[in-house]
């Protein structure tokens, strides 16, 4: 049973959620992640909640190897089998992508939310909708107005953003309260703009969904070089995880395992706990498709860090990381909109 919870921001300020959220991107993406395994992972997190709290689930319209709705179909099957779990969760879904490009036109947003609803099925409504990237062809004010129209029609209850700058977040929030901004945050990703978004979100009462807090698995010690990644894994395209660049980046966090061992926690848990320590509005968003990993992640929300531990971890976060955090090209160009 986890202890610590937090409240969401914006129009969802009355909603209490677990201190650590549950990213679903890899569910169903490997032969091992069967419905049985994934359902156990979902239930493990939800069953460990204190009374009155919800588990924040983060999905995507395109979360699959085919860029299709398979992740939503899996959630449909889960909530069909366990409808009693629907009210115990707060579900965010990212969408509005056409290939690698965001399209927040009224027509595409409507197409996106209707597609999501169709695949989610009747047992669980999307609580929070997020354009997965910022549409650079229209103003954020117009994009928000398009989102508000769909919100008022009842397609979802709250609006979120993803990969936005602090300035974009502030402008969007001036049109309609933003509940959450999803950005990458970890000991390897603590850029000047990361800090600005966290600061601005705190000022405006917005949650920060901090995805990849374990450095896409590397900070947890699961991988030490790119050759250990499964064939075809998306991470193999990131320069951050190649050759000497990866070796350099791993040296920056080489003290993490020893620090975690002294604390009696895993390196992954310590990395998550550092992200959570950035503020009560910062909600780490690690991914998991197994029950054991979900429980390990959730337990990190109850870890309290000492001043000395924070100093050591902050030094790691401030070191210069090499390589890109996306695969380049259109994907890289969509960051910090």
C-alpha atoms as a PDB file:
ATOM      1  CA  UNK A   1       0.000   0.000   0.000  1.00  0.00           C
ATOM      2  CA  UNK A   2       1.419   3.375  -1.004  1.00  0.00           C
ATOM      3  CA  UNK A   3       1.073   6.317   1.365  1.00  0.00           C
ATOM      4  CA  UNK A   4       1.847   9.543  -0.452  1.00  0.00           C
ATOM      5  CA  UNK A   5      -0.614  11.137  -2.850  1.00  0.00           C
ATOM      6  CA  UNK A   6      -0.918  14.490  -4.559  1.00  0.00           C
ATOM      7  CA  UNK A   7      -3.617  16.554  -6.227  1.00  0.00           C
ATOM      8  CA  UNK A   8      -3.756  17.314  -9.917  1.00  0.00           C
ATOM      9  CA  UNK A   9      -3.750  20.854 -11.256  1.00  0.00           C
ATOM     10  CA  UNK A  10      -6.058  23.091 -13.219  1.00  0.00           C
ATOM     11  CA  UNK A  11      -9.671  21.976 -13.428  1.00  0.00           C
ATOM     12  CA  UNK A  12      -8.768  18.650 -11.752  1.00  0.00           C
ATOM     13  CA  UNK A  13      -7.491  20.207  -8.520  1.00  0.00           C
ATOM     14  CA  UNK A  14      -9.971  18.176  -6.465  1.00  0.00           C
ATOM     15  CA  UNK A  15      -8.628  14.866  -7.818  1.00  0.00           C
ATOM     16  CA  UNK A  16      -6.210  12.966  -5.572  1.00  0.00           C
ATOM     17  CA  UNK A  17      -3.820  10.615  -7.365  1.00  0.00           C
ATOM     18  CA  UNK A  18      -0.948   8.339  -6.418  1.00  0.00           C
ATOM     19  CA  UNK A  19       2.386  10.144  -6.103  1.00  0.00           C
ATOM     20  CA  UNK A  20       3.720   8.014  -8.979  1.00  0.00           C
ATOM     21  CA  UNK A  21       1.677   7.600 -12.149  1.00  0.00           C
ATOM     22  CA  UNK A  22       1.596   4.649 -14.553  1.00  0.00           C
ATOM     23  CA  UNK A  23       2.815   4.995 -18.142  1.00  0.00           C
ATOM     24  CA  UNK A  24       1.323   2.402 -20.480  1.00  0.00           C
ATOM     25  CA  UNK A  25       3.318   2.907 -23.688  1.00  0.00           C
ATOM     26  CA  UNK A  26       5.003  -0.511 -23.688  1.00  0.00           C
ATOM     27  CA  UNK A  27       1.905  -2.509 -22.759  1.00  0.00           C
ATOM     28  CA  UNK A  28       1.161  -4.983 -25.524  1.00  0.00           C
ATOM     29  CA  UNK A  29       4.324  -4.041 -27.424  1.00  0.00           C
ATOM     30  CA  UNK A  30       6.246  -7.232 -26.673  1.00  0.00           C
ATOM     31  CA  UNK A  31       5.319 -10.925 -26.873  1.00  0.00           C
ATOM     32  CA  UNK A  32       5.651 -11.124 -23.092  1.00  0.00           C
ATOM     33  CA  UNK A  33       3.129  -8.351 -22.407  1.00  0.00           C
ATOM     34  CA  UNK A  34      -0.014 -10.427 -22.789  1.00  0.00           C
ATOM     35  CA  UNK A  35      -3.389  -9.254 -21.528  1.00  0.00           C
ATOM     36  CA  UNK A  36      -2.940 -11.368 -18.416  1.00  0.00           C
ATOM     37  CA  UNK A  37       0.422  -9.785 -17.599  1.00  0.00           C
ATOM     38  CA  UNK A  38      -0.705  -6.236 -18.403  1.00  0.00           C
ATOM     39  CA  UNK A  39      -3.964  -6.564 -16.476  1.00  0.00           C
ATOM     40  CA  UNK A  40      -2.017  -7.746 -13.424  1.00  0.00           C
ATOM     41  CA  UNK A  41       0.240  -4.701 -13.780  1.00  0.00           C
ATOM     42  CA  UNK A  42      -2.737  -2.330 -13.901  1.00  0.00           C
ATOM     43  CA  UNK A  43      -4.462  -3.979 -10.950  1.00  0.00           C
ATOM     44  CA  UNK A  44      -1.299  -3.984  -8.832  1.00  0.00           C
ATOM     45  CA  UNK A  45      -1.015  -0.207  -8.963  1.00  0.00           C
ATOM     46  CA  UNK A  46      -4.704   0.447  -8.438  1.00  0.00           C
ATOM     47  CA  UNK A  47      -5.062  -2.062  -5.600  1.00  0.00           C
ATOM     48  CA  UNK A  48      -2.212  -0.394  -3.706  1.00  0.00           C
ATOM     49  CA  UNK A  49      -3.900   3.004  -3.544  1.00  0.00           C
ATOM     50  CA  UNK A  50      -5.045   4.623  -0.300  1.00  0.00           C
ATOM     51  CA  UNK A  51      -8.751   5.342   0.036  1.00  0.00           C
ATOM     52  CA  UNK A  52      -9.992   8.188  -2.133  1.00  0.00           C
ATOM     53  CA  UNK A  53      -6.989   8.268  -4.470  1.00  0.00           C
ATOM     54  CA  UNK A  54      -6.955   7.363  -8.149  1.00  0.00           C
ATOM     55  CA  UNK A  55      -4.206   5.825 -10.249  1.00  0.00           C
ATOM     56  CA  UNK A  56      -3.100   8.172 -13.020  1.00  0.00           C
ATOM     57  CA  UNK A  57      -2.886   6.137 -16.240  1.00  0.00           C
ATOM     58  CA  UNK A  58      -1.157   7.603 -19.294  1.00  0.00           C
ATOM     59  CA  UNK A  59      -1.967   6.182 -22.725  1.00  0.00           C
ATOM     60  CA  UNK A  60      -1.774   7.324 -26.340  1.00  0.00           C
ATOM     61  CA  UNK A  61      -3.835   7.038 -29.482  1.00  0.00           C
ATOM     62  CA  UNK A  62      -0.675   5.796 -31.221  1.00  0.00           C
ATOM     63  CA  UNK A  63       0.911   3.611 -28.522  1.00  0.00           C
ATOM     64  CA  UNK A  64       1.856   0.548 -30.550  1.00  0.00           C
ATOM     65  CA  UNK A  65       4.505  -0.674 -32.940  1.00  0.00           C
ATOM     66  CA  UNK A  66       2.099   0.070 -35.797  1.00  0.00           C
ATOM     67  CA  UNK A  67       1.369   3.627 -34.576  1.00  0.00           C
ATOM     68  CA  UNK A  68      -2.196   2.408 -34.035  1.00  0.00           C
ATOM     69  CA  UNK A  69      -4.753   2.207 -31.194  1.00  0.00           C
ATOM     70  CA  UNK A  70      -3.747  -1.173 -29.760  1.00  0.00           C
ATOM     71  CA  UNK A  71      -3.009   0.327 -26.336  1.00  0.00           C
ATOM     72  CA  UNK A  72      -6.532   1.741 -26.165  1.00  0.00           C
ATOM     73  CA  UNK A  73      -7.950  -1.603 -27.268  1.00  0.00           C
ATOM     74  CA  UNK A  74      -6.076  -3.249 -24.394  1.00  0.00           C
ATOM     75  CA  UNK A  75      -7.588  -0.751 -21.948  1.00  0.00           C
ATOM     76  CA  UNK A  76     -11.016  -1.485 -23.432  1.00  0.00           C
ATOM     77  CA  UNK A  77     -10.537  -5.178 -22.699  1.00  0.00           C
ATOM     78  CA  UNK A  78      -9.299  -4.407 -19.187  1.00  0.00           C
ATOM     79  CA  UNK A  79     -12.221  -2.172 -18.220  1.00  0.00           C
ATOM     80  CA  UNK A  80     -14.684  -4.557 -19.872  1.00  0.00           C
ATOM     81  CA  UNK A  81     -13.354  -7.361 -17.673  1.00  0.00           C
ATOM     82  CA  UNK A  82     -12.938  -5.170 -14.575  1.00  0.00           C
ATOM     83  CA  UNK A  83     -15.486  -2.316 -14.843  1.00  0.00           C
ATOM     84  CA  UNK A  84     -15.200  -1.696 -11.102  1.00  0.00           C
ATOM     85  CA  UNK A  85     -11.696  -0.302 -11.695  1.00  0.00           C
ATOM     86  CA  UNK A  86     -12.862   2.518 -13.972  1.00  0.00           C
ATOM     87  CA  UNK A  87     -13.689   4.954 -11.165  1.00  0.00           C
ATOM     88  CA  UNK A  88     -10.382   4.176  -9.453  1.00  0.00           C
ATOM     89  CA  UNK A  89      -8.365   5.567 -12.348  1.00  0.00           C
ATOM     90  CA  UNK A  90      -7.705   8.933 -13.980  1.00  0.00           C
ATOM     91  CA  UNK A  91      -6.967   8.312 -17.650  1.00  0.00           C
ATOM     92  CA  UNK A  92      -5.003  10.680 -19.867  1.00  0.00           C
ATOM     93  CA  UNK A  93      -4.652  10.001 -23.581  1.00  0.00           C
ATOM     94  CA  UNK A  94      -2.357  11.760 -26.032  1.00  0.00           C
ATOM     95  CA  UNK A  95      -3.473  12.203 -29.630  1.00  0.00           C
ATOM     96  CA  UNK A  96      -3.818  14.641 -32.540  1.00  0.00           C
ATOM     97  CA  UNK A  97      -0.793  13.284 -34.398  1.00  0.00           C
ATOM     98  CA  UNK A  98      -0.676  12.806 -38.156  1.00  0.00           C
ATOM     99  CA  UNK A  99       2.422  10.703 -38.558  1.00  0.00           C
ATOM    100  CA  UNK A 100       5.118  12.543 -36.608  1.00  0.00           C
ATOM    101  CA  UNK A 101       3.409  15.944 -36.866  1.00  0.00           C
ATOM    102  CA  UNK A 102       0.824  17.463 -34.528  1.00  0.00           C
ATOM    103  CA  UNK A 103      -2.413  18.712 -36.108  1.00  0.00           C
ATOM    104  CA  UNK A 104      -4.643  20.656 -33.723  1.00  0.00           C
ATOM    105  CA  UNK A 105      -7.129  21.775 -36.341  1.00  0.00           C
ATOM    106  CA  UNK A 106     -10.780  21.397 -35.267  1.00  0.00           C
ATOM    107  CA  UNK A 107     -11.260  18.593 -37.788  1.00  0.00           C
ATOM    108  CA  UNK A 108      -8.274  16.532 -36.701  1.00  0.00           C
ATOM    109  CA  UNK A 109      -8.866  17.025 -32.973  1.00  0.00           C
ATOM    110  CA  UNK A 110     -12.444  15.824 -33.377  1.00  0.00           C
ATOM    111  CA  UNK A 111     -11.295  12.854 -35.440  1.00  0.00           C
ATOM    112  CA  UNK A 112      -8.736  12.029 -32.753  1.00  0.00           C
ATOM    113  CA  UNK A 113     -11.060  12.153 -29.744  1.00  0.00           C
ATOM    114  CA  UNK A 114     -13.784  10.172 -31.528  1.00  0.00           C
ATOM    115  CA  UNK A 115     -11.241   7.525 -32.493  1.00  0.00           C
ATOM    116  CA  UNK A 116     -10.044   7.323 -28.893  1.00  0.00           C
ATOM    117  CA  UNK A 117     -13.589   6.993 -27.573  1.00  0.00           C
ATOM    118  CA  UNK A 118     -14.381   4.286 -30.105  1.00  0.00           C
ATOM    119  CA  UNK A 119     -11.398   2.175 -29.093  1.00  0.00           C
ATOM    120  CA  UNK A 120     -11.723   2.775 -25.342  1.00  0.00           C
ATOM    121  CA  UNK A 121     -15.255   1.447 -25.358  1.00  0.00           C
ATOM    122  CA  UNK A 122     -18.159   2.176 -23.009  1.00  0.00           C
ATOM    123  CA  UNK A 123     -16.682   1.385 -19.594  1.00  0.00           C
ATOM    124  CA  UNK A 124     -14.058   4.118 -19.214  1.00  0.00           C
ATOM    125  CA  UNK A 125     -14.168   7.741 -20.337  1.00  0.00           C
ATOM    126  CA  UNK A 126     -11.031   9.677 -21.167  1.00  0.00           C
ATOM    127  CA  UNK A 127     -10.475  12.093 -18.261  1.00  0.00           C
ATOM    128  CA  UNK A 128      -7.654  14.176 -19.750  1.00  0.00           C
ATOM    129  CA  UNK A 129      -6.894  14.768 -23.422  1.00  0.00           C
ATOM    130  CA  UNK A 130      -3.482  15.967 -24.587  1.00  0.00           C
ATOM    131  CA  UNK A 131      -2.237  16.867 -28.042  1.00  0.00           C
ATOM    132  CA  UNK A 132       0.955  14.819 -28.033  1.00  0.00           C
ATOM    133  CA  UNK A 133       2.974  17.706 -29.447  1.00  0.00           C
ATOM    134  CA  UNK A 134       2.413  21.423 -29.999  1.00  0.00           C
ATOM    135  CA  UNK A 135       1.011  22.275 -33.436  1.00  0.00           C
ATOM    136  CA  UNK A 136       3.366  24.925 -34.818  1.00  0.00           C
ATOM    137  CA  UNK A 137       1.096  25.838 -37.742  1.00  0.00           C
ATOM    138  CA  UNK A 138      -1.480  27.617 -35.552  1.00  0.00           C
ATOM    139  CA  UNK A 139      -1.258  29.675 -32.379  1.00  0.00           C
ATOM    140  CA  UNK A 140      -1.546  27.888 -29.051  1.00  0.00           C
ATOM    141  CA  UNK A 141      -4.503  30.165 -28.322  1.00  0.00           C
ATOM    142  CA  UNK A 142      -6.392  28.800 -31.335  1.00  0.00           C
ATOM    143  CA  UNK A 143      -5.413  25.232 -30.461  1.00  0.00           C
ATOM    144  CA  UNK A 144      -6.773  25.714 -26.941  1.00  0.00           C
ATOM    145  CA  UNK A 145     -10.027  27.181 -28.267  1.00  0.00           C
ATOM    146  CA  UNK A 146     -10.433  24.095 -30.446  1.00  0.00           C
ATOM    147  CA  UNK A 147      -9.820  21.867 -27.419  1.00  0.00           C
ATOM    148  CA  UNK A 148     -12.249  23.816 -25.236  1.00  0.00           C
ATOM    149  CA  UNK A 149     -15.005  23.286 -27.804  1.00  0.00           C
ATOM    150  CA  UNK A 150     -14.557  19.514 -27.589  1.00  0.00           C
ATOM    151  CA  UNK A 151     -14.344  19.671 -23.800  1.00  0.00           C
ATOM    152  CA  UNK A 152     -17.659  21.533 -23.624  1.00  0.00           C
ATOM    153  CA  UNK A 153     -19.195  18.850 -25.838  1.00  0.00           C
ATOM    154  CA  UNK A 154     -18.260  16.308 -23.158  1.00  0.00           C
ATOM    155  CA  UNK A 155     -15.606  14.290 -24.972  1.00  0.00           C
ATOM    156  CA  UNK A 156     -13.208  14.658 -22.018  1.00  0.00           C
ATOM    157  CA  UNK A 157     -13.112  16.536 -18.720  1.00  0.00           C
ATOM    158  CA  UNK A 158      -9.691  18.210 -18.644  1.00  0.00           C
ATOM    159  CA  UNK A 159      -7.067  19.582 -21.032  1.00  0.00           C
ATOM    160  CA  UNK A 160      -3.349  18.827 -20.960  1.00  0.00           C
ATOM    161  CA  UNK A 161      -0.311  19.629 -23.087  1.00  0.00           C
ATOM    162  CA  UNK A 162       2.835  17.706 -23.939  1.00  0.00           C
ATOM    163  CA  UNK A 163       6.368  18.793 -24.875  1.00  0.00           C
ATOM    164  CA  UNK A 164       5.500  22.469 -24.409  1.00  0.00           C
ATOM    165  CA  UNK A 165       7.740  25.352 -23.419  1.00  0.00           C
ATOM    166  CA  UNK A 166       7.030  27.433 -20.335  1.00  0.00           C
ATOM    167  CA  UNK A 167       5.871  30.324 -22.524  1.00  0.00           C
ATOM    168  CA  UNK A 168       3.458  28.096 -24.455  1.00  0.00           C
ATOM    169  CA  UNK A 169       2.105  26.696 -21.196  1.00  0.00           C
ATOM    170  CA  UNK A 170       1.473  30.178 -19.818  1.00  0.00           C
ATOM    171  CA  UNK A 171      -0.291  31.324 -22.997  1.00  0.00           C
ATOM    172  CA  UNK A 172      -2.423  28.185 -23.128  1.00  0.00           C
ATOM    173  CA  UNK A 173      -3.415  28.500 -19.482  1.00  0.00           C
ATOM    174  CA  UNK A 174      -4.591  32.068 -20.107  1.00  0.00           C
ATOM    175  CA  UNK A 175      -7.207  30.695 -22.527  1.00  0.00           C
ATOM    176  CA  UNK A 176      -8.392  27.815 -20.321  1.00  0.00           C
ATOM    177  CA  UNK A 177      -6.902  26.149 -17.216  1.00  0.00           C
ATOM    178  CA  UNK A 178      -4.407  23.451 -18.148  1.00  0.00           C
ATOM    179  CA  UNK A 179      -4.485  20.439 -15.847  1.00  0.00           C
ATOM    180  CA  UNK A 180      -1.100  18.934 -16.728  1.00  0.00           C
ATOM    181  CA  UNK A 181       1.965  19.446 -18.896  1.00  0.00           C
ATOM    182  CA  UNK A 182       3.836  16.293 -19.878  1.00  0.00           C
ATOM    183  CA  UNK A 183       7.588  16.713 -20.353  1.00  0.00           C
ATOM    184  CA  UNK A 184      10.621  14.482 -20.011  1.00  0.00           C
ATOM    185  CA  UNK A 185      12.376  14.831 -16.632  1.00  0.00           C
ATOM    186  CA  UNK A 186      15.180  12.696 -15.235  1.00  0.00           C
ATOM    187  CA  UNK A 187      18.726  12.851 -13.941  1.00  0.00           C
ATOM    188  CA  UNK A 188      19.658  12.916 -17.634  1.00  0.00           C
ATOM    189  CA  UNK A 189      17.020  15.440 -18.729  1.00  0.00           C
ATOM    190  CA  UNK A 190      17.044  18.545 -16.553  1.00  0.00           C
ATOM    191  CA  UNK A 191      17.539  21.236 -19.152  1.00  0.00           C
ATOM    192  CA  UNK A 192      16.996  24.984 -18.640  1.00  0.00           C
ATOM    193  CA  UNK A 193      13.586  24.719 -20.329  1.00  0.00           C
ATOM    194  CA  UNK A 194      12.699  21.747 -18.118  1.00  0.00           C
ATOM    195  CA  UNK A 195      13.291  23.907 -15.065  1.00  0.00           C
ATOM    196  CA  UNK A 196      11.266  26.782 -16.549  1.00  0.00           C
ATOM    197  CA  UNK A 197       8.266  24.540 -17.219  1.00  0.00           C
ATOM    198  CA  UNK A 198       8.389  23.115 -13.689  1.00  0.00           C
ATOM    199  CA  UNK A 199       8.610  26.623 -12.205  1.00  0.00           C
ATOM    200  CA  UNK A 200       5.825  28.029 -14.394  1.00  0.00           C
ATOM    201  CA  UNK A 201       3.576  25.051 -13.684  1.00  0.00           C
ATOM    202  CA  UNK A 202       4.044  25.558  -9.949  1.00  0.00           C
ATOM    203  CA  UNK A 203       3.166  29.238 -10.270  1.00  0.00           C
ATOM    204  CA  UNK A 204       0.007  28.517 -12.275  1.00  0.00           C
ATOM    205  CA  UNK A 205      -1.181  25.469 -10.327  1.00  0.00           C
ATOM    206  CA  UNK A 206      -0.532  22.938 -13.104  1.00  0.00           C
ATOM    207  CA  UNK A 207       0.733  19.379 -12.695  1.00  0.00           C
ATOM    208  CA  UNK A 208       3.904  18.278 -14.463  1.00  0.00           C
ATOM    209  CA  UNK A 209       3.782  14.723 -15.788  1.00  0.00           C
ATOM    210  CA  UNK A 210       7.458  13.783 -15.779  1.00  0.00           C
ATOM    211  CA  UNK A 211       7.900  11.006 -18.319  1.00  0.00           C
ATOM    212  CA  UNK A 212      10.951   8.739 -18.621  1.00  0.00           C
ATOM    213  CA  UNK A 213      12.204   9.414 -15.055  1.00  0.00           C
ATOM    214  CA  UNK A 214      14.420   6.321 -15.318  1.00  0.00           C
ATOM    215  CA  UNK A 215      16.150   7.530 -18.482  1.00  0.00           C
ATOM    216  CA  UNK A 216      14.251   5.094 -20.696  1.00  0.00           C
ATOM    217  CA  UNK A 217      15.460   2.213 -18.532  1.00  0.00           C
ATOM    218  CA  UNK A 218      19.165   3.013 -18.422  1.00  0.00           C
ATOM    219  CA  UNK A 219      19.164   4.722 -15.002  1.00  0.00           C
ATOM    220  CA  UNK A 220      17.693   1.585 -13.476  1.00  0.00           C
ATOM    221  CA  UNK A 221      20.739  -0.434 -14.479  1.00  0.00           C
ATOM    222  CA  UNK A 222      18.795  -2.712 -16.816  1.00  0.00           C
ATOM    223  CA  UNK A 223      21.039  -1.863 -19.771  1.00  0.00           C
ATOM    224  CA  UNK A 224      24.704  -0.885 -19.914  1.00  0.00           C
ATOM    225  CA  UNK A 225      25.065  -0.602 -23.688  1.00  0.00           C
ATOM    226  CA  UNK A 226      22.813  -0.359 -26.718  1.00  0.00           C
ATOM    227  CA  UNK A 227      23.602  -3.915 -27.836  1.00  0.00           C
ATOM    228  CA  UNK A 228      21.542  -5.167 -24.892  1.00  0.00           C
ATOM    229  CA  UNK A 229      18.387  -3.557 -26.253  1.00  0.00           C
ATOM    230  CA  UNK A 230      15.892  -5.829 -28.041  1.00  0.00           C
ATOM    231  CA  UNK A 231      16.109  -5.925 -31.828  1.00  0.00           C
ATOM    232  CA  UNK A 232      14.157  -3.069 -33.359  1.00  0.00           C
ATOM    233  CA  UNK A 233      13.859  -1.219 -30.051  1.00  0.00           C
ATOM    234  CA  UNK A 234      13.054   2.473 -30.530  1.00  0.00           C
ATOM    235  CA  UNK A 235      15.944   3.502 -28.277  1.00  0.00           C
ATOM    236  CA  UNK A 236      18.545   2.204 -30.723  1.00  0.00           C
ATOM    237  CA  UNK A 237      17.983   5.302 -32.852  1.00  0.00           C
ATOM    238  CA  UNK A 238      18.923   7.756 -30.097  1.00  0.00           C
ATOM    239  CA  UNK A 239      22.461   9.133 -30.258  1.00  0.00           C
ATOM    240  CA  UNK A 240      22.314   9.422 -26.455  1.00  0.00           C
ATOM    241  CA  UNK A 241      22.463   5.638 -26.229  1.00  0.00           C
ATOM    242  CA  UNK A 242      25.244   4.918 -28.713  1.00  0.00           C
ATOM    243  CA  UNK A 243      28.866   3.926 -28.120  1.00  0.00           C
ATOM    244  CA  UNK A 244      31.091   6.345 -26.250  1.00  0.00           C
ATOM    245  CA  UNK A 245      28.226   8.815 -25.880  1.00  0.00           C
ATOM    246  CA  UNK A 246      26.303   6.306 -23.768  1.00  0.00           C
ATOM    247  CA  UNK A 247      29.470   5.409 -21.841  1.00  0.00           C
ATOM    248  CA  UNK A 248      29.962   9.098 -21.020  1.00  0.00           C
ATOM    249  CA  UNK A 249      26.359   9.502 -19.885  1.00  0.00           C
ATOM    250  CA  UNK A 250      26.509   6.399 -17.705  1.00  0.00           C
ATOM    251  CA  UNK A 251      29.651   7.712 -16.016  1.00  0.00           C
ATOM    252  CA  UNK A 252      27.682  10.791 -14.959  1.00  0.00           C
ATOM    253  CA  UNK A 253      25.371   8.598 -12.871  1.00  0.00           C
ATOM    254  CA  UNK A 254      27.900   5.932 -11.871  1.00  0.00           C
ATOM    255  CA  UNK A 255      27.363   6.706  -8.174  1.00  0.00           C
ATOM    256  CA  UNK A 256      23.621   6.021  -8.408  1.00  0.00           C
ATOM    257  CA  UNK A 257      23.724   2.254  -7.622  1.00  0.00           C
ATOM    258  CA  UNK A 258      25.873   2.747  -4.503  1.00  0.00           C
ATOM    259  CA  UNK A 259      23.706   5.624  -3.306  1.00  0.00           C
ATOM    260  CA  UNK A 260      20.598   3.499  -3.811  1.00  0.00           C
ATOM    261  CA  UNK A 261      22.114   0.519  -2.011  1.00  0.00           C
ATOM    262  CA  UNK A 262      22.918   2.673   1.026  1.00  0.00           C
ATOM    263  CA  UNK A 263      19.304   3.869   0.974  1.00  0.00           C
ATOM    264  CA  UNK A 264      17.950   0.344   0.711  1.00  0.00           C
ATOM    265  CA  UNK A 265      16.165   1.058  -2.580  1.00  0.00           C
ATOM    266  CA  UNK A 266      16.800   0.280  -6.236  1.00  0.00           C
ATOM    267  CA  UNK A 267      18.567   2.721  -8.583  1.00  0.00           C
ATOM    268  CA  UNK A 268      15.305   3.094 -10.508  1.00  0.00           C
ATOM    269  CA  UNK A 269      13.421   3.995  -7.337  1.00  0.00           C
ATOM    270  CA  UNK A 270      16.049   6.556  -6.368  1.00  0.00           C
ATOM    271  CA  UNK A 271      15.892   8.148  -9.824  1.00  0.00           C
ATOM    272  CA  UNK A 272      12.093   8.372  -9.559  1.00  0.00           C
ATOM    273  CA  UNK A 273      12.262   9.749  -6.018  1.00  0.00           C
ATOM    274  CA  UNK A 274      14.573  12.551  -7.166  1.00  0.00           C
ATOM    275  CA  UNK A 275      12.035  13.603  -9.809  1.00  0.00           C
ATOM    276  CA  UNK A 276       9.236  13.552  -7.220  1.00  0.00           C
ATOM    277  CA  UNK A 277      11.356  15.732  -4.927  1.00  0.00           C
ATOM    278  CA  UNK A 278      11.270  18.546  -7.516  1.00  0.00           C
ATOM    279  CA  UNK A 279       7.884  19.568  -6.160  1.00  0.00           C
ATOM    280  CA  UNK A 280       4.483  18.216  -5.091  1.00  0.00           C
ATOM    281  CA  UNK A 281       3.117  19.190  -8.508  1.00  0.00           C
ATOM    282  CA  UNK A 282       5.731  17.062 -10.313  1.00  0.00           C
ATOM    283  CA  UNK A 283       4.338  13.559 -10.858  1.00  0.00           C
ATOM    284  CA  UNK A 284       6.860  10.987 -12.108  1.00  0.00           C
ATOM    285  CA  UNK A 285       5.527   8.969 -15.044  1.00  0.00           C
ATOM    286  CA  UNK A 286       7.513   5.739 -15.342  1.00  0.00           C
ATOM    287  CA  UNK A 287       6.294   3.015 -17.648  1.00  0.00           C
ATOM    288  CA  UNK A 288       5.489  -0.518 -16.593  1.00  0.00           C
ATOM    289  CA  UNK A 289       3.842  -3.596 -18.063  1.00  0.00           C
ATOM    290  CA  UNK A 290       4.437  -6.023 -15.171  1.00  0.00           C
ATOM    291  CA  UNK A 291       3.007  -6.086 -11.662  1.00  0.00           C
ATOM    292  CA  UNK A 292       6.410  -6.269  -9.974  1.00  0.00           C
ATOM    293  CA  UNK A 293       7.708  -3.223 -11.839  1.00  0.00           C
ATOM    294  CA  UNK A 294       4.523  -1.283 -11.136  1.00  0.00           C
ATOM    295  CA  UNK A 295       4.812  -1.960  -7.406  1.00  0.00           C
ATOM    296  CA  UNK A 296       8.503  -1.009  -7.406  1.00  0.00           C
ATOM    297  CA  UNK A 297       7.738   2.243  -9.205  1.00  0.00           C
ATOM    298  CA  UNK A 298       4.833   3.153  -6.926  1.00  0.00           C
ATOM    299  CA  UNK A 299       6.889   2.518  -3.795  1.00  0.00           C
ATOM    300  CA  UNK A 300       9.326   5.219  -4.935  1.00  0.00           C
ATOM    301  CA  UNK A 301       6.673   7.812  -4.145  1.00  0.00           C
ATOM    302  CA  UNK A 302       7.133   7.150  -0.440  1.00  0.00           C
ATOM    303  CA  UNK A 303      10.920   7.617  -0.432  1.00  0.00           C
ATOM    304  CA  UNK A 304      12.141  10.679   1.483  1.00  0.00           C
ATOM    305  CA  UNK A 305      15.536  12.033   0.430  1.00  0.00           C
ATOM    306  CA  UNK A 306      18.009  13.627   2.822  1.00  0.00           C
ATOM    307  CA  UNK A 307      19.780  16.904   2.088  1.00  0.00           C
ATOM    308  CA  UNK A 308      23.019  15.042   1.353  1.00  0.00           C
ATOM    309  CA  UNK A 309      21.259  12.642  -1.004  1.00  0.00           C
ATOM    310  CA  UNK A 310      19.626  15.525  -2.850  1.00  0.00           C
ATOM    311  CA  UNK A 311      22.990  17.262  -3.182  1.00  0.00           C
ATOM    312  CA  UNK A 312      24.531  14.152  -4.728  1.00  0.00           C
ATOM    313  CA  UNK A 313      21.611  13.602  -7.095  1.00  0.00           C
ATOM    314  CA  UNK A 314      21.437  17.264  -8.088  1.00  0.00           C
ATOM    315  CA  UNK A 315      25.100  17.120  -9.065  1.00  0.00           C
ATOM    316  CA  UNK A 316      24.320  14.227 -11.417  1.00  0.00           C
ATOM    317  CA  UNK A 317      21.383  16.125 -12.919  1.00  0.00           C
ATOM    318  CA  UNK A 318      23.497  19.232 -13.516  1.00  0.00           C
ATOM    319  CA  UNK A 319      26.232  17.353 -15.398  1.00  0.00           C
ATOM    320  CA  UNK A 320      26.427  17.727 -19.178  1.00  0.00           C
ATOM    321  CA  UNK A 321      24.641  14.880 -20.949  1.00  0.00           C
ATOM    322  CA  UNK A 322      25.647  14.122 -24.535  1.00  0.00           C
ATOM    323  CA  UNK A 323      23.418  13.078 -27.424  1.00  0.00           C
ATOM    324  CA  UNK A 324      19.814  13.788 -28.358  1.00  0.00           C
ATOM    325  CA  UNK A 325      16.820  12.662 -26.328  1.00  0.00           C
ATOM    326  CA  UNK A 326      14.854  11.712 -29.435  1.00  0.00           C
ATOM    327  CA  UNK A 327      15.788   9.988 -32.674  1.00  0.00           C
ATOM    328  CA  UNK A 328      16.243  13.181 -34.675  1.00  0.00           C
ATOM    329  CA  UNK A 329      14.484  14.485 -37.757  1.00  0.00           C
ATOM    330  CA  UNK A 330      10.764  15.301 -37.439  1.00  0.00           C
ATOM    331  CA  UNK A 331      10.606  13.685 -33.990  1.00  0.00           C
ATOM    332  CA  UNK A 332      13.348  15.937 -32.627  1.00  0.00           C
ATOM    333  CA  UNK A 333      11.811  18.995 -34.288  1.00  0.00           C
ATOM    334  CA  UNK A 334       8.563  18.473 -32.387  1.00  0.00           C
ATOM    335  CA  UNK A 335      10.179  18.999 -28.967  1.00  0.00           C
ATOM    336  CA  UNK A 336       9.667  22.137 -26.883  1.00  0.00           C
ATOM    337  CA  UNK A 337       6.781  23.574 -28.880  1.00  0.00           C
END
